[in-house]
Structure formats: C-alpha cells, structure tokens
C-alpha cells in the first residue's frame, strides 16, 4: 500500500504581509528579513529529512522559503496550480476599512457555501480547486516520492487541505495558518491523516539577521 508523507508549509513573511496589503497570485513579492529568518529556522529543524522532491508555486516567495533545501540539490518543481488565489482588483492594495468589510463579507459568503463567489477580477475557491486538481494528480502519482515538501500560500493551503481531507470547501477556514507554519500529512492508500497542524515549533527561537552598515 502506498505511503507518502507531505510536509506542507506556507511561505515566510513578506512586507506585504507585514503591512496588511493584499498579495494573491498577481503579486510576486520576496520575503523580508523576518521571512528569511523563518525559512532558515525551518531548514535547520528539518534539513535531516530525506525529501525526494520539493514542489512550490510559481511565485518567488515560495522558492525563497525553501532555498536551503534547494541548495542541497533536492529536485524542485514549480507548479502554477499551487499558486495563491487571485484577489483580482484588490491585489497590491492596502486594506482600508471599506475593503476590509468587503473582504469579510466575501469570507462569510464562502462559509455559507457560496464558494463560487469571487472578488472582482479574481478567483473563487471553486476556481482554485479546478487548477489544484492537476497539480495534485501529478504530485500524488509519483511512486518514488515518499517524502515531499510543498510550499504554498495561506488561502490555497486551506483549499488544498479540504481536497486532501475530504472536507466541504465551505469549511476551509477551520485550517489556520501562519507564515512558515507546517502541516504534516501522511497518506496511506487514498486516506490522509494530519500529523502536525499549523505547527510553528521551529520558529520558537527565531533569529533575524540585520545588515551591518
């Protein structure tokens, strides 16, 4: 019976995260100093794991978050199916009180099961499911990849976990996440079990390096 361990992480912090600016799939931001420190801390705790493959989205903040593992020579592939949800016209914009109200109205719609709803110019959760399916099919079909590392984005992780764990899409907000958190999933046959949930133990003694001028 096929057994696979998936180490699923969210990318490290960016300045957009810090400033409360909407990112989504249309903003290709880099990690800030804290985000790079988070990436180093995760690498230090998990560098002993013999990952067969690394998968990231096509956005550089995910590749930067696993750069330590990439430097070890682990095969890496970027898949657009793993990209963050598109927030359409709201991407790159500060969250004003009016925008925040609209954002939370949309989240409420999704919790009510209206997961076909999308922010203007963006994607719905159902749209994300459709493009994730191709990436998931490819990832799970690889027989020799028993331990893999996947780096993605907050909303996309919630949607992916609903698919892997057979939860209705409207329940996606039950899956909490922080920058560089870890979900560890174990697959046996077609069944997935969560071994670690939004785990940030590796960030307990975070050291942020600052440039000396």
N, C-alpha and C. Protein backbone atom coordinates (compact mmCIF):
# COMPACT_ATOMS: atom_id res chain seq x y z
N UNK A 1 0.83 -1.19 0.00
CA UNK A 1 0.00 0.00 0.00
C UNK A 1 0.88 1.26 0.00
N UNK A 2 0.52 2.21 -0.85
CA UNK A 2 1.31 3.44 -0.98
C UNK A 2 1.26 4.28 0.29
N UNK A 3 2.44 4.70 0.74
CA UNK A 3 2.53 5.61 1.88
C UNK A 3 3.37 6.81 1.48
N UNK A 4 2.87 7.98 1.75
CA UNK A 4 3.56 9.21 1.37
C UNK A 4 3.44 10.21 2.51
N UNK A 5 4.53 10.89 2.83
CA UNK A 5 4.48 11.98 3.81
C UNK A 5 4.63 13.30 3.07
N UNK A 6 3.70 14.21 3.36
CA UNK A 6 3.72 15.53 2.74
C UNK A 6 3.95 16.58 3.82
N UNK A 7 5.07 17.28 3.68
CA UNK A 7 5.37 18.42 4.55
C UNK A 7 4.88 19.66 3.81
N UNK A 8 3.78 20.22 4.28
CA UNK A 8 3.11 21.33 3.59
C UNK A 8 3.32 22.61 4.39
N UNK A 9 4.02 23.58 3.81
CA UNK A 9 4.30 24.82 4.53
C UNK A 9 3.78 26.03 3.76
N UNK A 10 3.48 27.07 4.54
CA UNK A 10 3.17 28.37 3.95
C UNK A 10 4.49 29.14 3.83
N UNK A 11 4.59 30.00 2.85
CA UNK A 11 5.80 30.81 2.67
C UNK A 11 6.05 31.72 3.88
N UNK A 12 7.28 32.20 3.99
CA UNK A 12 7.64 33.11 5.07
C UNK A 12 7.06 34.50 4.86
N UNK A 13 7.26 35.34 5.86
CA UNK A 13 6.67 36.68 5.85
C UNK A 13 7.26 37.56 4.73
N UNK A 14 6.39 38.38 4.14
CA UNK A 14 6.79 39.41 3.18
C UNK A 14 6.40 40.76 3.76
N UNK A 15 6.89 41.82 3.16
CA UNK A 15 6.49 43.16 3.62
C UNK A 15 5.01 43.39 3.39
N UNK A 16 4.46 42.75 2.37
CA UNK A 16 3.02 42.86 2.12
C UNK A 16 2.23 42.26 3.28
N UNK A 17 2.67 41.10 3.78
CA UNK A 17 2.05 40.50 4.96
C UNK A 17 2.14 41.47 6.14
N UNK A 18 3.32 42.01 6.34
CA UNK A 18 3.58 42.88 7.48
C UNK A 18 2.72 44.14 7.45
N UNK A 19 2.52 44.69 6.27
CA UNK A 19 1.79 45.96 6.12
C UNK A 19 0.30 45.77 5.87
N UNK A 20 -0.16 44.51 5.80
CA UNK A 20 -1.57 44.26 5.58
C UNK A 20 -2.03 44.61 4.18
N UNK A 21 -1.16 44.38 3.18
CA UNK A 21 -1.50 44.63 1.79
C UNK A 21 -1.83 43.30 1.11
N UNK A 22 -2.90 43.30 0.32
CA UNK A 22 -3.35 42.07 -0.33
C UNK A 22 -2.32 41.61 -1.36
N UNK A 23 -1.93 40.33 -1.31
CA UNK A 23 -0.98 39.80 -2.28
C UNK A 23 -1.71 38.99 -3.36
N UNK A 24 -2.07 37.77 -3.07
CA UNK A 24 -2.69 36.94 -4.08
C UNK A 24 -1.69 36.46 -5.12
N UNK A 25 -2.20 35.89 -6.19
CA UNK A 25 -1.33 35.29 -7.21
C UNK A 25 -0.72 36.32 -8.14
N UNK A 26 -1.24 37.55 -8.12
CA UNK A 26 -0.74 38.56 -9.05
C UNK A 26 0.36 39.43 -8.49
N UNK A 27 0.77 39.19 -7.25
CA UNK A 27 1.84 39.98 -6.63
C UNK A 27 3.00 39.03 -6.32
N UNK A 28 4.12 39.22 -7.00
CA UNK A 28 5.26 38.31 -6.85
C UNK A 28 6.30 38.93 -5.91
N UNK A 29 5.97 38.98 -4.64
CA UNK A 29 6.82 39.63 -3.65
C UNK A 29 7.87 38.67 -3.10
N UNK A 30 8.94 39.25 -2.55
CA UNK A 30 10.01 38.49 -1.92
C UNK A 30 9.83 38.46 -0.40
N UNK A 31 10.51 37.55 0.25
CA UNK A 31 10.50 37.50 1.71
C UNK A 31 11.23 38.71 2.27
N UNK A 32 10.78 39.19 3.43
CA UNK A 32 11.53 40.22 4.14
C UNK A 32 12.51 39.55 5.10
N UNK A 33 13.18 40.35 5.94
CA UNK A 33 14.20 39.78 6.84
C UNK A 33 13.62 38.73 7.77
N UNK A 34 12.43 38.99 8.29
CA UNK A 34 11.80 38.00 9.17
C UNK A 34 11.45 36.74 8.39
N UNK A 35 10.95 36.92 7.18
CA UNK A 35 10.60 35.76 6.36
C UNK A 35 11.81 34.89 6.06
N UNK A 36 12.94 35.51 5.77
CA UNK A 36 14.16 34.74 5.52
C UNK A 36 14.62 34.01 6.78
N UNK A 37 14.45 34.67 7.94
CA UNK A 37 14.80 34.02 9.21
C UNK A 37 13.89 32.83 9.47
N UNK A 38 12.62 32.97 9.15
CA UNK A 38 11.68 31.85 9.30
C UNK A 38 12.10 30.69 8.40
N UNK A 39 12.51 31.00 7.17
CA UNK A 39 12.95 29.96 6.24
C UNK A 39 14.18 29.23 6.77
N UNK A 40 15.13 29.99 7.31
CA UNK A 40 16.34 29.37 7.87
C UNK A 40 16.00 28.48 9.06
N UNK A 41 15.08 28.97 9.92
CA UNK A 41 14.71 28.20 11.11
C UNK A 41 14.04 26.88 10.72
N UNK A 42 13.17 26.92 9.72
CA UNK A 42 12.53 25.69 9.27
C UNK A 42 13.58 24.73 8.69
N UNK A 43 14.49 25.28 7.90
CA UNK A 43 15.53 24.45 7.30
C UNK A 43 16.38 23.78 8.38
N UNK A 44 16.76 24.51 9.39
CA UNK A 44 17.61 23.95 10.44
C UNK A 44 16.92 22.79 11.17
N UNK A 45 15.62 22.89 11.36
CA UNK A 45 14.92 21.82 12.08
C UNK A 45 14.63 20.61 11.19
N UNK A 46 14.46 20.82 9.89
CA UNK A 46 14.01 19.73 9.03
C UNK A 46 15.01 19.35 7.93
N UNK A 47 16.24 19.84 8.00
CA UNK A 47 17.22 19.53 6.96
C UNK A 47 17.63 18.05 6.98
N UNK A 48 17.33 17.36 8.08
CA UNK A 48 17.68 15.94 8.15
C UNK A 48 16.68 15.06 7.40
N UNK A 49 15.55 15.61 7.03
CA UNK A 49 14.54 14.82 6.32
C UNK A 49 15.01 14.59 4.87
N UNK A 50 14.96 13.35 4.44
CA UNK A 50 15.41 13.00 3.08
C UNK A 50 14.26 13.21 2.09
N UNK A 51 14.02 14.48 1.75
CA UNK A 51 12.95 14.78 0.80
C UNK A 51 13.32 14.28 -0.59
N UNK A 52 12.38 13.60 -1.23
CA UNK A 52 12.58 13.14 -2.59
C UNK A 52 12.34 14.24 -3.61
N UNK A 53 11.48 15.20 -3.26
CA UNK A 53 11.12 16.26 -4.21
C UNK A 53 10.57 17.45 -3.44
N UNK A 54 10.77 18.63 -4.01
CA UNK A 54 10.18 19.87 -3.49
C UNK A 54 9.24 20.42 -4.55
N UNK A 55 8.05 20.81 -4.14
CA UNK A 55 7.11 21.48 -5.03
C UNK A 55 6.80 22.86 -4.47
N UNK A 56 6.82 23.86 -5.34
CA UNK A 56 6.45 25.21 -4.94
C UNK A 56 5.45 25.77 -5.94
N UNK A 57 4.88 26.91 -5.59
CA UNK A 57 4.10 27.64 -6.58
C UNK A 57 5.08 28.33 -7.53
N UNK A 58 4.60 29.09 -8.48
CA UNK A 58 5.49 29.80 -9.40
C UNK A 58 5.89 31.16 -8.85
N UNK A 59 5.46 31.50 -7.64
CA UNK A 59 5.76 32.79 -7.04
C UNK A 59 7.02 32.69 -6.19
N UNK A 60 7.91 33.67 -6.31
CA UNK A 60 9.25 33.54 -5.74
C UNK A 60 9.27 33.45 -4.23
N UNK A 61 8.25 33.95 -3.55
CA UNK A 61 8.26 33.86 -2.09
C UNK A 61 8.21 32.41 -1.61
N UNK A 62 7.68 31.51 -2.43
CA UNK A 62 7.67 30.11 -2.03
C UNK A 62 9.03 29.46 -2.26
N UNK A 63 9.68 29.77 -3.38
CA UNK A 63 11.02 29.21 -3.63
C UNK A 63 12.02 29.74 -2.62
N UNK A 64 11.90 31.03 -2.27
CA UNK A 64 12.80 31.61 -1.28
C UNK A 64 12.63 30.93 0.08
N UNK A 65 11.43 30.48 0.38
CA UNK A 65 11.15 29.85 1.67
C UNK A 65 11.77 28.48 1.81
N UNK A 66 12.10 27.84 0.69
CA UNK A 66 12.72 26.51 0.73
C UNK A 66 14.11 26.53 0.09
N UNK A 67 14.73 27.71 0.02
CA UNK A 67 16.00 27.85 -0.68
C UNK A 67 17.10 26.97 -0.07
N UNK A 68 17.08 26.78 1.24
CA UNK A 68 18.09 25.93 1.88
C UNK A 68 18.04 24.51 1.36
N UNK A 69 16.83 23.99 1.17
CA UNK A 69 16.66 22.62 0.66
C UNK A 69 17.05 22.55 -0.82
N UNK A 70 16.71 23.58 -1.56
CA UNK A 70 17.06 23.61 -2.99
C UNK A 70 18.58 23.58 -3.14
N UNK A 71 19.28 24.31 -2.26
CA UNK A 71 20.74 24.35 -2.32
C UNK A 71 21.36 22.99 -2.00
N UNK A 72 20.62 22.10 -1.35
CA UNK A 72 21.11 20.75 -1.11
C UNK A 72 21.06 19.88 -2.36
N UNK A 73 20.43 20.41 -3.40
CA UNK A 73 20.33 19.66 -4.66
C UNK A 73 19.08 18.81 -4.79
N UNK A 74 18.10 19.02 -3.90
CA UNK A 74 16.86 18.26 -3.98
C UNK A 74 16.08 18.70 -5.22
N UNK A 75 15.61 17.76 -6.04
CA UNK A 75 14.83 18.13 -7.22
C UNK A 75 13.63 19.01 -6.84
N UNK A 76 13.41 20.05 -7.62
CA UNK A 76 12.38 21.04 -7.31
C UNK A 76 11.57 21.34 -8.55
N UNK A 77 10.26 21.50 -8.36
CA UNK A 77 9.38 21.84 -9.48
C UNK A 77 8.37 22.90 -9.03
N UNK A 78 8.17 23.90 -9.87
CA UNK A 78 7.19 24.95 -9.59
C UNK A 78 5.94 24.70 -10.43
N UNK A 79 4.79 24.69 -9.76
CA UNK A 79 3.52 24.41 -10.44
C UNK A 79 2.55 25.57 -10.23
N UNK A 80 2.00 26.08 -11.32
CA UNK A 80 1.06 27.20 -11.22
C UNK A 80 -0.21 26.80 -10.49
N UNK A 81 -0.51 25.50 -10.48
CA UNK A 81 -1.69 25.02 -9.76
C UNK A 81 -1.61 25.24 -8.27
N UNK A 82 -0.39 25.48 -7.76
CA UNK A 82 -0.19 25.70 -6.33
C UNK A 82 -0.18 27.19 -5.97
N UNK A 83 -0.38 28.06 -6.96
CA UNK A 83 -0.37 29.50 -6.70
C UNK A 83 -1.49 29.91 -5.75
N UNK A 84 -1.30 31.07 -5.13
CA UNK A 84 -2.33 31.63 -4.25
C UNK A 84 -3.57 31.97 -5.06
N UNK A 85 -4.70 32.07 -4.38
CA UNK A 85 -5.93 32.53 -5.01
C UNK A 85 -5.70 33.94 -5.56
N UNK A 86 -6.32 34.26 -6.66
CA UNK A 86 -6.26 35.62 -7.19
C UNK A 86 -7.32 36.47 -6.51
N UNK A 87 -6.87 37.59 -5.93
CA UNK A 87 -7.80 38.53 -5.30
C UNK A 87 -8.18 39.65 -6.26
N UNK A 88 -7.88 39.46 -7.54
CA UNK A 88 -8.35 40.38 -8.57
C UNK A 88 -7.91 41.82 -8.37
N UNK A 89 -8.85 42.73 -8.44
CA UNK A 89 -8.55 44.16 -8.38
C UNK A 89 -8.05 44.60 -7.02
N UNK A 90 -8.15 43.75 -6.02
CA UNK A 90 -7.72 44.12 -4.67
C UNK A 90 -6.24 43.85 -4.42
N UNK A 91 -5.58 43.13 -5.33
CA UNK A 91 -4.19 42.78 -5.12
C UNK A 91 -3.28 44.00 -5.15
N UNK A 92 -2.34 44.03 -4.22
CA UNK A 92 -1.40 45.14 -4.14
C UNK A 92 -1.96 46.38 -3.48
N UNK A 93 -3.20 46.29 -2.97
CA UNK A 93 -3.86 47.44 -2.37
C UNK A 93 -3.89 47.33 -0.85
N UNK A 94 -3.67 48.44 -0.14
CA UNK A 94 -3.82 48.42 1.31
C UNK A 94 -5.27 48.10 1.68
N UNK A 95 -5.45 47.45 2.82
CA UNK A 95 -6.80 47.08 3.26
C UNK A 95 -7.39 48.23 4.07
N UNK A 96 -8.23 49.03 3.41
CA UNK A 96 -8.93 50.12 4.08
C UNK A 96 -10.12 49.54 4.86
N UNK A 97 -10.75 50.31 5.76
CA UNK A 97 -11.93 49.79 6.47
C UNK A 97 -13.02 49.30 5.52
N UNK A 98 -13.21 50.01 4.41
CA UNK A 98 -14.24 49.61 3.43
C UNK A 98 -13.84 48.30 2.75
N UNK A 99 -12.55 48.20 2.37
CA UNK A 99 -12.07 46.98 1.73
C UNK A 99 -12.14 45.81 2.71
N UNK A 100 -11.84 46.06 3.97
CA UNK A 100 -11.88 45.01 4.98
C UNK A 100 -13.30 44.48 5.15
N UNK A 101 -14.26 45.40 5.12
CA UNK A 101 -15.67 44.99 5.25
C UNK A 101 -16.08 44.11 4.08
N UNK A 102 -15.67 44.50 2.88
CA UNK A 102 -15.99 43.72 1.69
C UNK A 102 -15.32 42.35 1.74
N UNK A 103 -14.06 42.32 2.17
CA UNK A 103 -13.31 41.08 2.28
C UNK A 103 -14.01 40.11 3.24
N UNK A 104 -14.42 40.61 4.39
CA UNK A 104 -15.08 39.74 5.36
C UNK A 104 -16.47 39.32 4.90
N UNK A 105 -17.12 40.16 4.13
CA UNK A 105 -18.41 39.76 3.53
C UNK A 105 -18.18 38.57 2.60
N UNK A 106 -17.11 38.63 1.80
CA UNK A 106 -16.81 37.53 0.88
C UNK A 106 -16.49 36.26 1.65
N UNK A 107 -15.71 36.37 2.72
CA UNK A 107 -15.40 35.19 3.54
C UNK A 107 -16.67 34.58 4.12
N UNK A 108 -17.59 35.45 4.54
CA UNK A 108 -18.87 34.96 5.07
C UNK A 108 -19.65 34.20 3.99
N UNK A 109 -19.61 34.69 2.76
CA UNK A 109 -20.28 34.00 1.66
C UNK A 109 -19.71 32.61 1.46
N UNK A 110 -18.40 32.51 1.52
CA UNK A 110 -17.75 31.21 1.35
C UNK A 110 -18.12 30.27 2.49
N UNK A 111 -18.17 30.80 3.72
CA UNK A 111 -18.55 29.95 4.86
C UNK A 111 -20.00 29.47 4.75
N UNK A 112 -20.82 30.23 4.07
CA UNK A 112 -22.21 29.83 3.86
C UNK A 112 -22.35 28.81 2.73
N UNK A 113 -21.24 28.53 2.07
CA UNK A 113 -21.26 27.55 0.98
C UNK A 113 -21.30 28.14 -0.40
N UNK A 114 -21.25 29.48 -0.49
CA UNK A 114 -21.27 30.14 -1.80
C UNK A 114 -19.84 30.27 -2.34
N UNK A 115 -19.21 29.12 -2.51
CA UNK A 115 -17.79 29.10 -2.87
C UNK A 115 -17.54 29.37 -4.35
N UNK A 116 -18.62 29.67 -5.08
CA UNK A 116 -18.48 30.10 -6.47
C UNK A 116 -18.27 31.61 -6.55
N UNK A 117 -18.51 32.32 -5.45
CA UNK A 117 -18.37 33.78 -5.42
C UNK A 117 -16.89 34.15 -5.51
N UNK A 118 -16.60 35.24 -6.20
CA UNK A 118 -15.22 35.71 -6.33
C UNK A 118 -15.17 37.23 -6.22
N UNK A 119 -14.05 37.72 -5.69
CA UNK A 119 -13.82 39.15 -5.68
C UNK A 119 -13.61 39.61 -7.12
N UNK A 120 -14.02 40.82 -7.41
CA UNK A 120 -13.98 41.33 -8.78
C UNK A 120 -12.62 41.12 -9.44
N UNK A 121 -12.65 40.43 -10.57
CA UNK A 121 -11.42 40.18 -11.32
C UNK A 121 -10.59 39.04 -10.79
N UNK A 122 -11.05 38.39 -9.73
CA UNK A 122 -10.26 37.34 -9.09
C UNK A 122 -10.83 35.95 -9.27
N UNK A 123 -10.40 35.05 -8.42
CA UNK A 123 -10.83 33.66 -8.47
C UNK A 123 -11.77 33.33 -7.31
N UNK A 124 -12.62 32.38 -7.52
CA UNK A 124 -13.41 31.80 -6.43
C UNK A 124 -12.65 30.59 -5.89
N UNK A 125 -13.00 30.13 -4.68
CA UNK A 125 -12.40 28.89 -4.20
C UNK A 125 -12.61 27.72 -5.16
N UNK A 126 -13.75 27.68 -5.82
CA UNK A 126 -14.00 26.59 -6.77
C UNK A 126 -13.07 26.68 -7.97
N UNK A 127 -12.73 27.89 -8.38
CA UNK A 127 -11.75 28.06 -9.46
C UNK A 127 -10.39 27.50 -9.04
N UNK A 128 -10.02 27.76 -7.79
CA UNK A 128 -8.72 27.28 -7.29
C UNK A 128 -8.70 25.75 -7.22
N UNK A 129 -9.81 25.16 -6.79
CA UNK A 129 -9.91 23.70 -6.75
C UNK A 129 -9.61 23.11 -8.13
N UNK A 130 -10.18 23.71 -9.16
CA UNK A 130 -10.01 23.17 -10.52
C UNK A 130 -8.55 23.16 -10.94
N UNK A 131 -7.82 24.25 -10.66
CA UNK A 131 -6.42 24.27 -11.08
C UNK A 131 -5.51 23.48 -10.14
N UNK A 132 -5.94 23.32 -8.88
CA UNK A 132 -5.15 22.49 -7.97
C UNK A 132 -5.25 21.01 -8.31
N UNK A 133 -6.35 20.60 -8.89
CA UNK A 133 -6.55 19.18 -9.18
C UNK A 133 -5.44 18.63 -10.08
N UNK A 134 -5.05 19.40 -11.09
CA UNK A 134 -3.99 18.94 -11.98
C UNK A 134 -2.67 18.79 -11.25
N UNK A 135 -2.36 19.77 -10.39
CA UNK A 135 -1.12 19.70 -9.62
C UNK A 135 -1.15 18.52 -8.65
N UNK A 136 -2.27 18.32 -7.98
CA UNK A 136 -2.40 17.22 -7.05
C UNK A 136 -2.26 15.87 -7.74
N UNK A 137 -2.91 15.73 -8.87
CA UNK A 137 -2.83 14.47 -9.62
C UNK A 137 -1.39 14.15 -9.96
N UNK A 138 -0.65 15.17 -10.42
CA UNK A 138 0.75 14.97 -10.78
C UNK A 138 1.59 14.59 -9.55
N UNK A 139 1.40 15.31 -8.46
CA UNK A 139 2.20 15.07 -7.26
C UNK A 139 1.95 13.69 -6.67
N UNK A 140 0.68 13.33 -6.54
CA UNK A 140 0.34 12.08 -5.87
C UNK A 140 0.60 10.86 -6.74
N UNK A 141 0.80 11.05 -8.04
CA UNK A 141 1.01 9.92 -8.94
C UNK A 141 2.46 9.45 -8.96
N UNK A 142 3.36 10.19 -8.30
CA UNK A 142 4.78 9.84 -8.36
C UNK A 142 5.08 8.74 -7.32
N UNK A 143 5.38 7.52 -7.76
CA UNK A 143 5.54 6.40 -6.83
C UNK A 143 6.81 6.46 -5.99
N UNK A 144 7.83 7.14 -6.46
CA UNK A 144 9.12 7.14 -5.76
C UNK A 144 9.33 8.38 -4.90
N UNK A 145 8.29 9.17 -4.74
CA UNK A 145 8.39 10.37 -3.91
C UNK A 145 7.65 10.12 -2.60
N UNK A 146 8.35 9.45 -1.68
CA UNK A 146 7.72 9.05 -0.43
C UNK A 146 7.67 10.18 0.59
N UNK A 147 8.61 11.13 0.50
CA UNK A 147 8.62 12.28 1.39
C UNK A 147 8.81 13.53 0.54
N UNK A 148 7.81 14.40 0.55
CA UNK A 148 7.89 15.60 -0.28
C UNK A 148 7.62 16.84 0.55
N UNK A 149 8.17 17.94 0.08
CA UNK A 149 7.99 19.25 0.71
C UNK A 149 7.24 20.13 -0.27
N UNK A 150 6.12 20.69 0.16
CA UNK A 150 5.33 21.58 -0.68
C UNK A 150 5.25 22.94 0.00
N UNK A 151 5.60 23.99 -0.72
CA UNK A 151 5.48 25.35 -0.19
C UNK A 151 4.45 26.13 -0.99
N UNK A 152 3.46 26.67 -0.28
CA UNK A 152 2.33 27.33 -0.94
C UNK A 152 1.96 28.61 -0.20
N UNK A 153 0.68 28.93 -0.26
CA UNK A 153 0.14 30.18 0.25
C UNK A 153 -1.07 29.92 1.14
N UNK A 154 -1.40 30.88 1.98
CA UNK A 154 -2.41 30.68 3.01
C UNK A 154 -3.77 30.19 2.54
N UNK A 155 -4.43 30.97 1.68
CA UNK A 155 -5.77 30.56 1.23
C UNK A 155 -5.69 29.29 0.38
N UNK A 156 -4.65 29.19 -0.44
CA UNK A 156 -4.50 28.00 -1.29
C UNK A 156 -4.29 26.74 -0.44
N UNK A 157 -3.58 26.88 0.68
CA UNK A 157 -3.39 25.74 1.58
C UNK A 157 -4.72 25.29 2.16
N UNK A 158 -5.53 26.24 2.58
CA UNK A 158 -6.84 25.89 3.14
C UNK A 158 -7.68 25.10 2.13
N UNK A 159 -7.64 25.55 0.89
CA UNK A 159 -8.41 24.88 -0.17
C UNK A 159 -7.84 23.49 -0.45
N UNK A 160 -6.52 23.39 -0.50
CA UNK A 160 -5.88 22.10 -0.75
C UNK A 160 -6.19 21.10 0.36
N UNK A 161 -6.16 21.54 1.61
CA UNK A 161 -6.44 20.64 2.73
C UNK A 161 -7.87 20.12 2.68
N UNK A 162 -8.80 20.95 2.24
CA UNK A 162 -10.18 20.47 2.08
C UNK A 162 -10.24 19.33 1.07
N UNK A 163 -9.47 19.44 0.00
CA UNK A 163 -9.46 18.37 -1.00
C UNK A 163 -8.82 17.10 -0.46
N UNK A 164 -7.67 17.25 0.18
CA UNK A 164 -6.95 16.07 0.66
C UNK A 164 -7.69 15.34 1.78
N UNK A 165 -8.40 16.11 2.62
CA UNK A 165 -9.04 15.53 3.80
C UNK A 165 -10.54 15.34 3.62
N UNK A 166 -11.03 15.61 2.43
CA UNK A 166 -12.46 15.40 2.10
C UNK A 166 -13.40 16.24 2.97
N UNK A 167 -13.01 17.49 3.22
CA UNK A 167 -13.90 18.41 3.90
C UNK A 167 -14.62 19.26 2.87
N UNK A 168 -15.86 19.68 3.15
CA UNK A 168 -16.52 20.60 2.22
C UNK A 168 -15.74 21.90 2.13
N UNK A 169 -15.75 22.50 0.97
CA UNK A 169 -14.95 23.70 0.72
C UNK A 169 -15.34 24.85 1.66
N UNK A 170 -16.59 24.90 2.06
CA UNK A 170 -17.02 25.98 2.94
C UNK A 170 -16.37 25.91 4.32
N UNK A 171 -15.74 24.78 4.63
CA UNK A 171 -15.10 24.59 5.94
C UNK A 171 -13.62 24.99 5.93
N UNK A 172 -13.13 25.59 4.85
CA UNK A 172 -11.69 25.81 4.71
C UNK A 172 -11.08 26.68 5.80
N UNK A 173 -11.87 27.57 6.40
CA UNK A 173 -11.29 28.45 7.43
C UNK A 173 -11.01 27.72 8.74
N UNK A 174 -11.38 26.47 8.84
CA UNK A 174 -11.01 25.70 10.03
C UNK A 174 -9.51 25.41 10.05
N UNK A 175 -8.88 25.53 8.89
CA UNK A 175 -7.44 25.27 8.80
C UNK A 175 -6.68 26.59 8.98
N UNK A 176 -6.16 26.78 10.17
CA UNK A 176 -5.44 28.01 10.48
C UNK A 176 -4.03 27.95 9.87
N UNK A 177 -3.44 29.12 9.71
CA UNK A 177 -2.08 29.15 9.18
C UNK A 177 -1.37 30.43 9.60
N UNK A 178 -0.05 30.30 9.75
CA UNK A 178 0.82 31.44 9.99
C UNK A 178 1.96 31.36 8.99
N UNK A 179 2.70 32.45 8.85
CA UNK A 179 3.85 32.40 7.94
C UNK A 179 4.83 31.32 8.38
N UNK A 180 5.24 30.49 7.45
CA UNK A 180 6.15 29.36 7.64
C UNK A 180 5.65 28.36 8.67
N UNK A 181 4.34 28.16 8.72
CA UNK A 181 3.79 27.08 9.54
C UNK A 181 3.89 25.77 8.77
N UNK A 182 3.75 24.67 9.48
CA UNK A 182 3.84 23.34 8.88
C UNK A 182 2.58 22.53 9.14
N UNK A 183 2.08 21.91 8.08
CA UNK A 183 1.10 20.82 8.17
C UNK A 183 1.82 19.56 7.69
N UNK A 184 1.85 18.56 8.52
CA UNK A 184 2.44 17.28 8.12
C UNK A 184 1.30 16.29 7.90
N UNK A 185 1.23 15.78 6.69
CA UNK A 185 0.18 14.82 6.34
C UNK A 185 0.80 13.50 5.93
N UNK A 186 0.15 12.43 6.33
CA UNK A 186 0.60 11.10 5.95
C UNK A 186 -0.48 10.41 5.14
N UNK A 187 -0.11 9.96 3.97
CA UNK A 187 -1.04 9.28 3.08
C UNK A 187 -0.83 7.78 3.14
N UNK A 188 -1.91 7.06 3.36
CA UNK A 188 -1.89 5.61 3.26
C UNK A 188 -3.02 5.22 2.32
N UNK A 189 -2.65 4.71 1.16
CA UNK A 189 -3.66 4.46 0.14
C UNK A 189 -4.24 5.78 -0.32
N UNK A 190 -5.55 5.95 -0.21
CA UNK A 190 -6.21 7.20 -0.60
C UNK A 190 -6.57 8.06 0.60
N UNK A 191 -6.15 7.63 1.79
CA UNK A 191 -6.53 8.32 3.03
C UNK A 191 -5.38 9.16 3.55
N UNK A 192 -5.69 10.37 3.98
CA UNK A 192 -4.69 11.27 4.56
C UNK A 192 -4.98 11.52 6.03
N UNK A 193 -3.92 11.52 6.84
CA UNK A 193 -4.02 11.82 8.27
C UNK A 193 -3.12 13.01 8.57
N UNK A 194 -3.62 13.96 9.37
CA UNK A 194 -2.83 15.13 9.76
C UNK A 194 -2.01 14.77 10.99
N UNK A 195 -0.69 14.85 10.88
CA UNK A 195 0.21 14.55 11.99
C UNK A 195 0.65 15.83 12.71
N UNK A 196 0.75 16.93 11.98
CA UNK A 196 1.05 18.23 12.59
C UNK A 196 0.12 19.26 11.97
N UNK A 197 -0.38 20.18 12.82
CA UNK A 197 -1.40 21.14 12.40
C UNK A 197 -0.90 22.55 12.70
N UNK A 198 -0.68 23.35 11.66
CA UNK A 198 -0.23 24.74 11.83
C UNK A 198 0.92 24.81 12.84
N UNK A 199 1.88 23.92 12.68
CA UNK A 199 2.97 23.80 13.64
C UNK A 199 4.04 24.87 13.40
N UNK A 200 4.43 25.58 14.46
CA UNK A 200 5.46 26.62 14.36
C UNK A 200 6.55 26.44 15.41
N UNK A 201 6.72 25.23 15.91
CA UNK A 201 7.72 24.96 16.93
C UNK A 201 9.12 25.38 16.45
N UNK A 202 9.38 25.22 15.17
CA UNK A 202 10.68 25.57 14.61
C UNK A 202 10.97 27.07 14.67
N UNK A 203 9.95 27.87 14.91
CA UNK A 203 10.12 29.33 14.97
C UNK A 203 10.28 29.85 16.39
N UNK A 204 10.37 28.94 17.34
CA UNK A 204 10.37 29.33 18.76
C UNK A 204 11.55 30.25 19.09
N UNK A 205 12.72 29.96 18.56
CA UNK A 205 13.91 30.76 18.87
C UNK A 205 14.40 31.47 17.61
N UNK A 206 13.49 32.17 16.97
CA UNK A 206 13.78 32.82 15.69
C UNK A 206 14.85 33.90 15.85
N UNK A 207 15.84 33.87 14.96
CA UNK A 207 16.90 34.87 14.95
C UNK A 207 16.84 35.61 13.61
N UNK A 208 16.63 36.93 13.68
CA UNK A 208 16.52 37.75 12.48
C UNK A 208 17.85 38.48 12.26
N UNK A 209 18.48 38.19 11.14
CA UNK A 209 19.76 38.84 10.83
C UNK A 209 19.51 40.20 10.21
N UNK A 210 20.24 41.20 10.67
CA UNK A 210 20.13 42.54 10.11
C UNK A 210 21.46 42.95 9.50
N UNK A 211 21.38 43.72 8.44
CA UNK A 211 22.59 44.14 7.75
C UNK A 211 23.37 45.15 8.60
N UNK A 212 24.67 45.03 8.58
CA UNK A 212 25.53 45.98 9.30
C UNK A 212 26.02 47.04 8.31
N UNK A 213 25.71 48.30 8.58
CA UNK A 213 26.07 49.39 7.67
C UNK A 213 27.29 50.14 8.21
